[in-house]
């Protein structure tokens, strides 16, 4: 029996007997489809492009959009930091700096 099957069965058992919460998410699930660091990098690239072409985030009438984009950026950064231990300096993907529009 593969190790992942055994781990899944143990996880389900522990959830069933309430040793761990039902909503527990594995760090490996953060890399669904693409690594979380790459997702953060592409999100920042998208924000830069939107701002450079439309000045949407620097518009005073849409300040709530900038706050929403900043919160999303913070969340992706937080997930990335959780996933990569502080002692592990090498990352497969390095995210670009936070866009100026979100500073």
C-alpha atoms as a PDB file:
ATOM      1  CA  UNK A   1       0.000   0.000   0.000  1.00  0.00           C
ATOM      2  CA  UNK A   2       1.445   3.415  -0.963  1.00  0.00           C
ATOM      3  CA  UNK A   3       2.493   5.758   1.844  1.00  0.00           C
ATOM      4  CA  UNK A   4       0.027   8.472   0.779  1.00  0.00           C
ATOM      5  CA  UNK A   5      -2.877   6.050   1.198  1.00  0.00           C
ATOM      6  CA  UNK A   6      -1.723   5.141   4.701  1.00  0.00           C
ATOM      7  CA  UNK A   7      -1.258   8.811   5.618  1.00  0.00           C
ATOM      8  CA  UNK A   8      -4.713   9.671   4.314  1.00  0.00           C
ATOM      9  CA  UNK A   9      -6.347   6.875   6.297  1.00  0.00           C
ATOM     10  CA  UNK A  10      -4.538   7.919   9.491  1.00  0.00           C
ATOM     11  CA  UNK A  11      -5.572  11.551   8.904  1.00  0.00           C
ATOM     12  CA  UNK A  12      -9.220  10.567   8.430  1.00  0.00           C
ATOM     13  CA  UNK A  13      -9.099   8.407  11.555  1.00  0.00           C
ATOM     14  CA  UNK A  14      -7.588  11.218  13.629  1.00  0.00           C
ATOM     15  CA  UNK A  15     -10.291  13.589  12.345  1.00  0.00           C
ATOM     16  CA  UNK A  16     -12.982  11.046  13.127  1.00  0.00           C
ATOM     17  CA  UNK A  17     -11.873  10.691  16.752  1.00  0.00           C
ATOM     18  CA  UNK A  18     -11.399  14.491  17.012  1.00  0.00           C
ATOM     19  CA  UNK A  19      -7.621  14.466  17.561  1.00  0.00           C
ATOM     20  CA  UNK A  20      -7.216  17.013  14.780  1.00  0.00           C
ATOM     21  CA  UNK A  21      -9.734  19.463  13.285  1.00  0.00           C
ATOM     22  CA  UNK A  22     -11.743  18.547  10.187  1.00  0.00           C
ATOM     23  CA  UNK A  23     -10.633  21.678   8.357  1.00  0.00           C
ATOM     24  CA  UNK A  24      -6.916  20.954   8.635  1.00  0.00           C
ATOM     25  CA  UNK A  25      -5.087  21.708   5.388  1.00  0.00           C
ATOM     26  CA  UNK A  26      -1.789  20.151   4.476  1.00  0.00           C
ATOM     27  CA  UNK A  27       0.978  22.527   3.403  1.00  0.00           C
ATOM     28  CA  UNK A  28       1.396  20.408   0.293  1.00  0.00           C
ATOM     29  CA  UNK A  29      -2.114  21.467  -0.763  1.00  0.00           C
ATOM     30  CA  UNK A  30      -0.912  25.073  -1.044  1.00  0.00           C
ATOM     31  CA  UNK A  31       0.840  24.095  -4.259  1.00  0.00           C
ATOM     32  CA  UNK A  32      -2.375  23.111  -6.030  1.00  0.00           C
ATOM     33  CA  UNK A  33      -1.717  23.492  -9.779  1.00  0.00           C
ATOM     34  CA  UNK A  34       1.226  25.898  -9.337  1.00  0.00           C
ATOM     35  CA  UNK A  35       3.538  26.581  -6.373  1.00  0.00           C
ATOM     36  CA  UNK A  36       2.260  29.284  -4.025  1.00  0.00           C
ATOM     37  CA  UNK A  37       5.419  31.372  -4.589  1.00  0.00           C
ATOM     38  CA  UNK A  38       4.788  31.400  -8.336  1.00  0.00           C
ATOM     39  CA  UNK A  39       1.159  32.303  -7.711  1.00  0.00           C
ATOM     40  CA  UNK A  40       2.300  35.293  -5.614  1.00  0.00           C
ATOM     41  CA  UNK A  41       4.775  36.339  -8.308  1.00  0.00           C
ATOM     42  CA  UNK A  42       2.159  36.134 -11.066  1.00  0.00           C
ATOM     43  CA  UNK A  43      -0.370  38.010  -8.925  1.00  0.00           C
ATOM     44  CA  UNK A  44       2.127  40.829  -8.405  1.00  0.00           C
ATOM     45  CA  UNK A  45       2.884  40.876 -12.123  1.00  0.00           C
ATOM     46  CA  UNK A  46      -0.850  41.183 -12.848  1.00  0.00           C
ATOM     47  CA  UNK A  47      -1.232  44.083 -10.395  1.00  0.00           C
ATOM     48  CA  UNK A  48       1.758  45.850 -11.990  1.00  0.00           C
ATOM     49  CA  UNK A  49       0.263  45.427 -15.465  1.00  0.00           C
ATOM     50  CA  UNK A  50      -3.170  46.663 -14.429  1.00  0.00           C
ATOM     51  CA  UNK A  51      -1.667  49.713 -12.743  1.00  0.00           C
ATOM     52  CA  UNK A  52       0.721  50.560 -15.587  1.00  0.00           C
ATOM     53  CA  UNK A  53      -2.029  50.353 -18.212  1.00  0.00           C
ATOM     54  CA  UNK A  54      -4.961  51.889 -16.319  1.00  0.00           C
ATOM     55  CA  UNK A  55      -3.721  53.567 -13.085  1.00  0.00           C
ATOM     56  CA  UNK A  56      -6.670  51.766 -11.483  1.00  0.00           C
ATOM     57  CA  UNK A  57      -5.106  51.294  -8.043  1.00  0.00           C
ATOM     58  CA  UNK A  58      -3.876  54.874  -7.744  1.00  0.00           C
ATOM     59  CA  UNK A  59      -7.369  56.217  -8.488  1.00  0.00           C
ATOM     60  CA  UNK A  60      -8.866  57.803  -5.361  1.00  0.00           C
ATOM     61  CA  UNK A  61     -12.381  56.604  -6.244  1.00  0.00           C
ATOM     62  CA  UNK A  62     -11.319  52.943  -6.107  1.00  0.00           C
ATOM     63  CA  UNK A  63      -9.212  52.982  -2.925  1.00  0.00           C
ATOM     64  CA  UNK A  64     -11.107  49.929  -1.661  1.00  0.00           C
ATOM     65  CA  UNK A  65      -9.704  47.942  -4.625  1.00  0.00           C
ATOM     66  CA  UNK A  66      -6.150  48.764  -3.612  1.00  0.00           C
ATOM     67  CA  UNK A  67      -6.900  47.668  -0.045  1.00  0.00           C
ATOM     68  CA  UNK A  68      -8.416  44.429  -1.322  1.00  0.00           C
ATOM     69  CA  UNK A  69      -5.427  43.752  -3.597  1.00  0.00           C
ATOM     70  CA  UNK A  70      -3.023  44.517  -0.728  1.00  0.00           C
ATOM     71  CA  UNK A  71      -4.878  42.111   1.579  1.00  0.00           C
ATOM     72  CA  UNK A  72      -4.745  39.382  -1.056  1.00  0.00           C
ATOM     73  CA  UNK A  73      -1.014  40.005  -1.545  1.00  0.00           C
ATOM     74  CA  UNK A  74      -0.463  39.798   2.220  1.00  0.00           C
ATOM     75  CA  UNK A  75      -2.362  36.518   2.372  1.00  0.00           C
ATOM     76  CA  UNK A  76      -0.374  34.930  -0.468  1.00  0.00           C
ATOM     77  CA  UNK A  77       2.863  36.119   1.127  1.00  0.00           C
ATOM     78  CA  UNK A  78       1.781  34.675   4.488  1.00  0.00           C
ATOM     79  CA  UNK A  79       1.005  31.291   2.913  1.00  0.00           C
ATOM     80  CA  UNK A  80       4.352  31.330   1.141  1.00  0.00           C
ATOM     81  CA  UNK A  81       6.196  32.061   4.394  1.00  0.00           C
ATOM     82  CA  UNK A  82       4.335  29.300   6.235  1.00  0.00           C
ATOM     83  CA  UNK A  83       5.168  26.796   3.527  1.00  0.00           C
ATOM     84  CA  UNK A  84       8.889  27.588   3.394  1.00  0.00           C
ATOM     85  CA  UNK A  85      10.665  27.171   6.748  1.00  0.00           C
ATOM     86  CA  UNK A  86      12.815  30.139   7.786  1.00  0.00           C
ATOM     87  CA  UNK A  87      15.980  28.010   7.803  1.00  0.00           C
ATOM     88  CA  UNK A  88      15.393  27.047   4.162  1.00  0.00           C
ATOM     89  CA  UNK A  89      16.793  29.929   2.119  1.00  0.00           C
ATOM     90  CA  UNK A  90      16.552  28.359  -1.338  1.00  0.00           C
ATOM     91  CA  UNK A  91      13.158  28.575  -2.993  1.00  0.00           C
ATOM     92  CA  UNK A  92      12.255  27.156  -6.350  1.00  0.00           C
ATOM     93  CA  UNK A  93      10.474  30.398  -7.292  1.00  0.00           C
ATOM     94  CA  UNK A  94      11.268  33.868  -6.056  1.00  0.00           C
ATOM     95  CA  UNK A  95       8.428  36.370  -6.038  1.00  0.00           C
ATOM     96  CA  UNK A  96       9.033  39.863  -7.342  1.00  0.00           C
ATOM     97  CA  UNK A  97       8.799  42.749  -4.856  1.00  0.00           C
ATOM     98  CA  UNK A  98       5.377  44.113  -3.905  1.00  0.00           C
ATOM     99  CA  UNK A  99       4.053  46.418  -6.631  1.00  0.00           C
ATOM    100  CA  UNK A 100       4.391  50.147  -5.958  1.00  0.00           C
ATOM    101  CA  UNK A 101       0.636  50.511  -6.362  1.00  0.00           C
ATOM    102  CA  UNK A 102       0.157  48.426  -3.198  1.00  0.00           C
ATOM    103  CA  UNK A 103       2.736  50.166  -1.009  1.00  0.00           C
END
